[in-house]
Amino acid sequence: MSSSKLVLGSEELNAISTVYSVCCNNAVNRFTEGKRKKTHPLAMTGDRNRLEDCTVETYHGVRANCAETMDSLQACMVNNKYEWVKCVGLRRDLEECAVRNKLGELKDM
């Protein structure tokens, strides 16, 4: 389990959200399934820790390898608050950067 917690602001979370879906897909699905089944929170500790570890690792990987794209996407989303469709190309670029750098669960592929 990761020793450091990660607290993101809404702008960062909105920008990186689809990267988490791509790079932490298995962890997200396991955690979501546990929530759907109303599994007791103590029984979900392992899934929760895997999801947290993946998101922290992915975030640090994005900041290390894709910072310029991440910053551009955040700025685009802030400047186009009601028209995020204008930022689709930057979002795609960020996702591609994360995949290219094999972040999160992709490192095992």
Protein backbone atom coordinates (compact mmCIF):
# COMPACT_ATOMS: atom_id res chain seq x y z
CA MET A 1 0.00 0.00 0.00
CA SER A 2 1.15 3.49 -0.76
CA SER A 3 2.43 5.41 2.24
CA SER A 4 1.30 8.77 0.86
CA LYS A 5 -2.25 9.85 0.27
CA LEU A 6 -3.11 11.99 -2.71
CA VAL A 7 -5.55 14.89 -2.49
CA LEU A 8 -6.51 16.42 -5.83
CA GLY A 9 -8.47 19.57 -6.47
CA SER A 10 -11.47 19.43 -8.76
CA GLU A 11 -9.52 20.82 -11.72
CA GLU A 12 -6.83 18.14 -11.45
CA LEU A 13 -9.37 15.38 -10.84
CA ASN A 14 -11.48 16.42 -13.82
CA ALA A 15 -8.40 16.45 -16.04
CA ILE A 16 -6.97 13.10 -14.96
CA SER A 17 -10.22 11.17 -14.50
CA THR A 18 -10.20 9.37 -17.85
CA VAL A 19 -6.52 8.47 -17.40
CA TYR A 20 -7.54 6.62 -14.23
CA SER A 21 -10.19 4.76 -16.22
CA VAL A 22 -7.54 3.66 -18.70
CA CYS A 23 -4.59 3.00 -16.38
CA CYS A 24 -6.43 1.65 -13.33
CA ASN A 25 -9.29 -0.12 -15.08
CA ASN A 26 -9.10 -3.41 -13.17
CA ALA A 27 -8.78 -1.70 -9.78
CA VAL A 28 -11.67 0.66 -10.59
CA ASN A 29 -13.86 -2.23 -11.74
CA ARG A 30 -13.12 -4.37 -8.64
CA PHE A 31 -13.83 -1.47 -6.29
CA THR A 32 -17.00 -0.45 -8.16
CA GLU A 33 -18.27 -4.03 -8.14
CA GLY A 34 -17.74 -4.25 -4.39
CA LYS A 35 -19.69 -1.04 -3.90
CA ARG A 36 -22.45 -2.29 -6.22
CA LYS A 37 -22.75 -5.50 -4.19
CA LYS A 38 -22.77 -3.44 -0.97
CA THR A 39 -19.75 -5.33 0.32
CA HIS A 40 -18.81 -4.42 3.87
CA PRO A 41 -16.12 -1.68 3.83
CA LEU A 42 -13.67 -3.80 5.86
CA ALA A 43 -13.96 -6.57 3.28
CA MET A 44 -13.06 -4.06 0.56
CA THR A 45 -9.79 -2.92 2.15
CA GLY A 46 -7.64 -4.80 -0.38
CA ASP A 47 -9.56 -3.45 -3.37
CA ARG A 48 -9.55 0.06 -1.93
CA ASN A 49 -5.79 -0.09 -1.31
CA ARG A 50 -5.12 -1.38 -4.85
CA LEU A 51 -7.22 1.45 -6.30
CA GLU A 52 -5.50 4.05 -4.14
CA ASP A 53 -2.03 2.72 -5.00
CA CYS A 54 -2.84 2.70 -8.71
CA THR A 55 -4.22 6.23 -8.72
CA VAL A 56 -1.28 7.63 -6.73
CA GLU A 57 1.25 5.86 -8.95
CA THR A 58 -0.57 6.96 -12.11
CA TYR A 59 -0.78 10.57 -10.95
CA HIS A 60 2.94 10.69 -10.19
CA GLY A 61 3.67 9.07 -13.56
CA VAL A 62 1.52 11.66 -15.34
CA ARG A 63 3.28 14.51 -13.53
CA ALA A 64 6.68 13.01 -14.38
CA ASN A 65 6.00 12.13 -18.02
CA CYS A 66 3.00 14.12 -19.23
CA ALA A 67 3.02 17.31 -17.12
CA GLU A 68 2.82 19.75 -20.02
CA THR A 69 -0.18 17.97 -21.53
CA MET A 70 -1.87 17.67 -18.13
CA ASP A 71 -1.35 21.38 -17.44
CA SER A 72 -2.67 22.30 -20.90
CA LEU A 73 -5.75 20.15 -20.40
CA GLN A 74 -6.45 21.67 -17.00
CA ALA A 75 -6.11 25.18 -18.41
CA CYS A 76 -8.39 24.33 -21.34
CA MET A 77 -11.04 22.92 -19.02
CA VAL A 78 -10.90 25.97 -16.75
CA ASN A 79 -11.08 28.37 -19.69
CA ASN A 80 -13.93 26.44 -21.33
CA LYS A 81 -15.95 25.59 -18.24
CA TYR A 82 -19.16 24.83 -20.17
CA GLU A 83 -17.54 23.62 -23.38
CA TRP A 84 -15.13 20.84 -22.42
CA VAL A 85 -15.65 19.41 -25.88
CA LYS A 86 -13.04 21.97 -26.98
CA CYS A 87 -10.51 20.07 -24.86
CA VAL A 88 -11.12 16.61 -26.34
CA GLY A 89 -7.85 16.61 -28.29
CA LEU A 90 -5.82 17.45 -25.20
CA ARG A 91 -7.62 14.75 -23.19
CA ARG A 92 -6.81 12.21 -25.90
CA ASP A 93 -3.18 13.35 -25.89
CA LEU A 94 -2.99 12.91 -22.11
CA GLU A 95 -4.48 9.42 -22.29
CA GLU A 96 -2.07 8.48 -25.09
CA CYS A 97 0.88 9.79 -23.06
CA ALA A 98 -0.19 7.69 -20.07
CA VAL A 99 -0.52 4.58 -22.24
CA ARG A 100 2.78 5.23 -24.03
CA ASN A 101 4.52 5.49 -20.65
CA LYS A 102 2.75 2.35 -19.34
CA LEU A 103 1.41 4.01 -16.21
CA GLY A 104 -0.60 2.27 -13.52
CA GLU A 105 -1.73 -1.27 -14.34
CA LEU A 106 -0.35 -0.92 -17.87
CA LYS A 107 3.19 -1.39 -16.56
CA ASP A 108 2.42 -5.11 -16.24
CA MET A 109 1.45 -5.48 -19.89
